[in-house]
Every structure is written in C-alpha cells, then in structure tokens.
C-alpha cells in the first residue's frame, strides 16, 4: 500500500514540475554582463560601431589579421630555430635557441587564446 502512495506522489510531482521545466526550456536564455544586469542574448549580438558594422565582426576580423601575422612570425621563428639546430652540435644548445623556443610557445598560446575566444 505504501509503495503505491509513493508512486502516486512521484507521478503528481512529475506532472506538476513537467510544465515548469518545459517553460524554462522554451523561454529565451538570459546572461549577465560584467555590470551585473541581466541582458537577453539576442541584444548582445546587435552592438554596432559608428560606421555601421557589427562590433563582433570587427573584432573577429582584427583577430584574424593578428592570427595571420603571428602565424607568419611563428613560421619564421621555427625556420630559424631549425637552422640553429643544424649549425649547433648535438650536445650543445644555445641560449638564443631556448629563447626562440619560448617565443614560439608564446606565439602559439596567443593564437590559441584568440581562436578560443569565440
């Protein structure tokens, strides 16, 4: 007997909460901006610059150009590191080569950070 009452309570609770869960799923999502105010997601995409372009498009374009420049620098550093390795003995690694490796790592982190942003 007790088992059937527990089941009926569970069914009632499910029937009561199902519409609320469905409504929460269908309502538009809202996020908090850094100021703390709640802003609907669709208004964040509509920020335009004075020249009429979307701000997000301008940011993406600038990031793309920076990524291209950093990728070119990365290729140049990798080639010069390869030349340094060919010049040096197998037991010796110069401080300049280590610095180039650090610069390569910094460039890759910068590119990866910009790519993960959006």
C-alpha atoms as a PDB file:
ATOM      1  CA  UNK A   1       0.000   0.000   0.000  1.00  0.00           C
ATOM      2  CA  UNK A   2       2.744   2.397   0.965  1.00  0.00           C
ATOM      3  CA  UNK A   3       4.557   1.644  -2.270  1.00  0.00           C
ATOM      4  CA  UNK A   4       1.595   2.715  -4.376  1.00  0.00           C
ATOM      5  CA  UNK A   5       1.175   6.004  -2.491  1.00  0.00           C
ATOM      6  CA  UNK A   6       4.851   6.813  -3.018  1.00  0.00           C
ATOM      7  CA  UNK A   7       4.451   6.150  -6.726  1.00  0.00           C
ATOM      8  CA  UNK A   8       1.368   8.317  -6.962  1.00  0.00           C
ATOM      9  CA  UNK A   9       3.176  11.153  -5.166  1.00  0.00           C
ATOM     10  CA  UNK A  10       6.093  10.829  -7.543  1.00  0.00           C
ATOM     11  CA  UNK A  11       3.723  10.918 -10.536  1.00  0.00           C
ATOM     12  CA  UNK A  12       1.964  14.010  -9.185  1.00  0.00           C
ATOM     13  CA  UNK A  13       5.292  15.752  -8.584  1.00  0.00           C
ATOM     14  CA  UNK A  14       6.409  14.862 -12.096  1.00  0.00           C
ATOM     15  CA  UNK A  15       3.169  16.172 -13.573  1.00  0.00           C
ATOM     16  CA  UNK A  16       3.480  19.398 -11.580  1.00  0.00           C
ATOM     17  CA  UNK A  17       7.111  20.067 -12.490  1.00  0.00           C
ATOM     18  CA  UNK A  18       6.977  18.976 -16.133  1.00  0.00           C
ATOM     19  CA  UNK A  19       5.214  22.169 -17.365  1.00  0.00           C
ATOM     20  CA  UNK A  20       7.651  24.339 -15.391  1.00  0.00           C
ATOM     21  CA  UNK A  21      10.634  22.505 -16.873  1.00  0.00           C
ATOM     22  CA  UNK A  22       9.180  22.804 -20.364  1.00  0.00           C
ATOM     23  CA  UNK A  23       8.505  26.517 -19.912  1.00  0.00           C
ATOM     24  CA  UNK A  24      12.042  27.117 -18.652  1.00  0.00           C
ATOM     25  CA  UNK A  25      13.386  25.326 -21.700  1.00  0.00           C
ATOM     26  CA  UNK A  26      11.301  27.375 -24.119  1.00  0.00           C
ATOM     27  CA  UNK A  27      11.964  30.807 -22.592  1.00  0.00           C
ATOM     28  CA  UNK A  28      14.820  32.813 -24.152  1.00  0.00           C
ATOM     29  CA  UNK A  29      18.116  32.475 -22.349  1.00  0.00           C
ATOM     30  CA  UNK A  30      19.478  35.410 -20.402  1.00  0.00           C
ATOM     31  CA  UNK A  31      23.048  36.151 -19.363  1.00  0.00           C
ATOM     32  CA  UNK A  32      24.703  38.583 -17.001  1.00  0.00           C
ATOM     33  CA  UNK A  33      27.004  41.208 -18.379  1.00  0.00           C
ATOM     34  CA  UNK A  34      30.035  42.401 -16.351  1.00  0.00           C
ATOM     35  CA  UNK A  35      27.932  45.208 -14.825  1.00  0.00           C
ATOM     36  CA  UNK A  36      25.623  42.619 -13.279  1.00  0.00           C
ATOM     37  CA  UNK A  37      22.467  43.489 -15.216  1.00  0.00           C
ATOM     38  CA  UNK A  38      20.547  40.719 -16.927  1.00  0.00           C
ATOM     39  CA  UNK A  39      20.609  41.127 -20.703  1.00  0.00           C
ATOM     40  CA  UNK A  40      18.909  38.821 -23.225  1.00  0.00           C
ATOM     41  CA  UNK A  41      21.391  37.045 -25.530  1.00  0.00           C
ATOM     42  CA  UNK A  42      19.934  38.422 -28.758  1.00  0.00           C
ATOM     43  CA  UNK A  43      20.674  42.059 -27.838  1.00  0.00           C
ATOM     44  CA  UNK A  44      24.376  41.388 -27.249  1.00  0.00           C
ATOM     45  CA  UNK A  45      24.882  40.499 -30.923  1.00  0.00           C
ATOM     46  CA  UNK A  46      23.318  43.753 -32.149  1.00  0.00           C
ATOM     47  CA  UNK A  47      26.076  46.119 -30.971  1.00  0.00           C
ATOM     48  CA  UNK A  48      27.087  48.250 -33.954  1.00  0.00           C
ATOM     49  CA  UNK A  49      30.065  50.533 -34.425  1.00  0.00           C
ATOM     50  CA  UNK A  50      29.628  54.129 -35.604  1.00  0.00           C
ATOM     51  CA  UNK A  51      30.464  53.052 -39.171  1.00  0.00           C
ATOM     52  CA  UNK A  52      27.507  50.613 -39.143  1.00  0.00           C
ATOM     53  CA  UNK A  53      29.470  47.365 -38.878  1.00  0.00           C
ATOM     54  CA  UNK A  54      28.796  44.861 -36.130  1.00  0.00           C
ATOM     55  CA  UNK A  55      31.281  45.079 -33.300  1.00  0.00           C
ATOM     56  CA  UNK A  56      31.740  41.317 -33.170  1.00  0.00           C
ATOM     57  CA  UNK A  57      32.551  41.203 -36.903  1.00  0.00           C
ATOM     58  CA  UNK A  58      35.190  43.900 -36.456  1.00  0.00           C
ATOM     59  CA  UNK A  59      36.748  42.017 -33.525  1.00  0.00           C
ATOM     60  CA  UNK A  60      36.807  38.765 -35.488  1.00  0.00           C
ATOM     61  CA  UNK A  61      38.409  40.475 -38.481  1.00  0.00           C
ATOM     62  CA  UNK A  62      41.094  42.083 -36.303  1.00  0.00           C
ATOM     63  CA  UNK A  63      41.782  38.753 -34.580  1.00  0.00           C
ATOM     64  CA  UNK A  64      42.058  37.058 -37.972  1.00  0.00           C
ATOM     65  CA  UNK A  65      44.654  39.581 -39.135  1.00  0.00           C
ATOM     66  CA  UNK A  66      46.612  39.190 -35.885  1.00  0.00           C
ATOM     67  CA  UNK A  67      46.485  35.397 -36.222  1.00  0.00           C
ATOM     68  CA  UNK A  68      47.874  35.614 -39.761  1.00  0.00           C
ATOM     69  CA  UNK A  69      50.713  37.887 -38.639  1.00  0.00           C
ATOM     70  CA  UNK A  70      51.529  35.677 -35.648  1.00  0.00           C
ATOM     71  CA  UNK A  71      51.427  32.547 -37.831  1.00  0.00           C
ATOM     72  CA  UNK A  72      53.933  34.125 -40.223  1.00  0.00           C
ATOM     73  CA  UNK A  73      56.165  35.069 -37.275  1.00  0.00           C
ATOM     74  CA  UNK A  74      55.803  31.531 -35.945  1.00  0.00           C
ATOM     75  CA  UNK A  75      56.940  30.058 -39.253  1.00  0.00           C
ATOM     76  CA  UNK A  76      59.951  32.398 -39.381  1.00  0.00           C
ATOM     77  CA  UNK A  77      60.937  31.514 -35.811  1.00  0.00           C
ATOM     78  CA  UNK A  78      60.569  27.794 -36.469  1.00  0.00           C
ATOM     79  CA  UNK A  79      62.754  28.018 -39.589  1.00  0.00           C
ATOM     80  CA  UNK A  80      65.441  29.995 -37.787  1.00  0.00           C
ATOM     81  CA  UNK A  81      65.318  27.512 -34.887  1.00  0.00           C
ATOM     82  CA  UNK A  82      65.780  24.675 -37.363  1.00  0.00           C
ATOM     83  CA  UNK A  83      68.817  26.434 -38.871  1.00  0.00           C
ATOM     84  CA  UNK A  84      70.283  26.977 -35.396  1.00  0.00           C
ATOM     85  CA  UNK A  85      69.867  23.288 -34.576  1.00  0.00           C
ATOM     86  CA  UNK A  86      71.620  22.299 -37.788  1.00  0.00           C
ATOM     87  CA  UNK A  87      74.549  24.626 -37.006  1.00  0.00           C
ATOM     88  CA  UNK A  88      74.997  23.519 -33.397  1.00  0.00           C
ATOM     89  CA  UNK A  89      76.479  20.307 -32.083  1.00  0.00           C
ATOM     90  CA  UNK A  90      74.112  17.601 -30.864  1.00  0.00           C
ATOM     91  CA  UNK A  91      75.294  18.084 -27.262  1.00  0.00           C
ATOM     92  CA  UNK A  92      75.090  21.890 -27.254  1.00  0.00           C
ATOM     93  CA  UNK A  93      72.016  24.110 -27.303  1.00  0.00           C
ATOM     94  CA  UNK A  94      72.487  27.858 -27.259  1.00  0.00           C
ATOM     95  CA  UNK A  95      70.573  30.264 -25.057  1.00  0.00           C
ATOM     96  CA  UNK A  96      69.322  32.015 -28.186  1.00  0.00           C
ATOM     97  CA  UNK A  97      67.727  28.751 -29.339  1.00  0.00           C
ATOM     98  CA  UNK A  98      65.979  28.370 -25.992  1.00  0.00           C
ATOM     99  CA  UNK A  99      64.724  31.945 -26.285  1.00  0.00           C
ATOM    100  CA  UNK A 100      63.331  31.139 -29.739  1.00  0.00           C
ATOM    101  CA  UNK A 101      61.504  28.139 -28.279  1.00  0.00           C
ATOM    102  CA  UNK A 102      59.974  30.369 -25.614  1.00  0.00           C
ATOM    103  CA  UNK A 103      58.900  32.866 -28.290  1.00  0.00           C
ATOM    104  CA  UNK A 104      57.340  30.040 -30.316  1.00  0.00           C
ATOM    105  CA  UNK A 105      55.394  28.922 -27.263  1.00  0.00           C
ATOM    106  CA  UNK A 106      54.185  32.476 -26.567  1.00  0.00           C
ATOM    107  CA  UNK A 107      53.003  32.911 -30.148  1.00  0.00           C
ATOM    108  CA  UNK A 108      51.106  29.617 -30.153  1.00  0.00           C
ATOM    109  CA  UNK A 109      49.412  30.487 -26.864  1.00  0.00           C
ATOM    110  CA  UNK A 110      48.417  33.887 -28.224  1.00  0.00           C
ATOM    111  CA  UNK A 111      46.936  32.367 -31.375  1.00  0.00           C
ATOM    112  CA  UNK A 112      45.142  29.639 -29.439  1.00  0.00           C
ATOM    113  CA  UNK A 113      43.708  32.183 -26.994  1.00  0.00           C
ATOM    114  CA  UNK A 114      42.289  34.306 -29.787  1.00  0.00           C
ATOM    115  CA  UNK A 115      40.815  31.266 -31.541  1.00  0.00           C
ATOM    116  CA  UNK A 116      39.089  30.043 -28.377  1.00  0.00           C
ATOM    117  CA  UNK A 117      37.534  33.429 -27.638  1.00  0.00           C
ATOM    118  CA  UNK A 118      34.512  32.973 -29.920  1.00  0.00           C
END
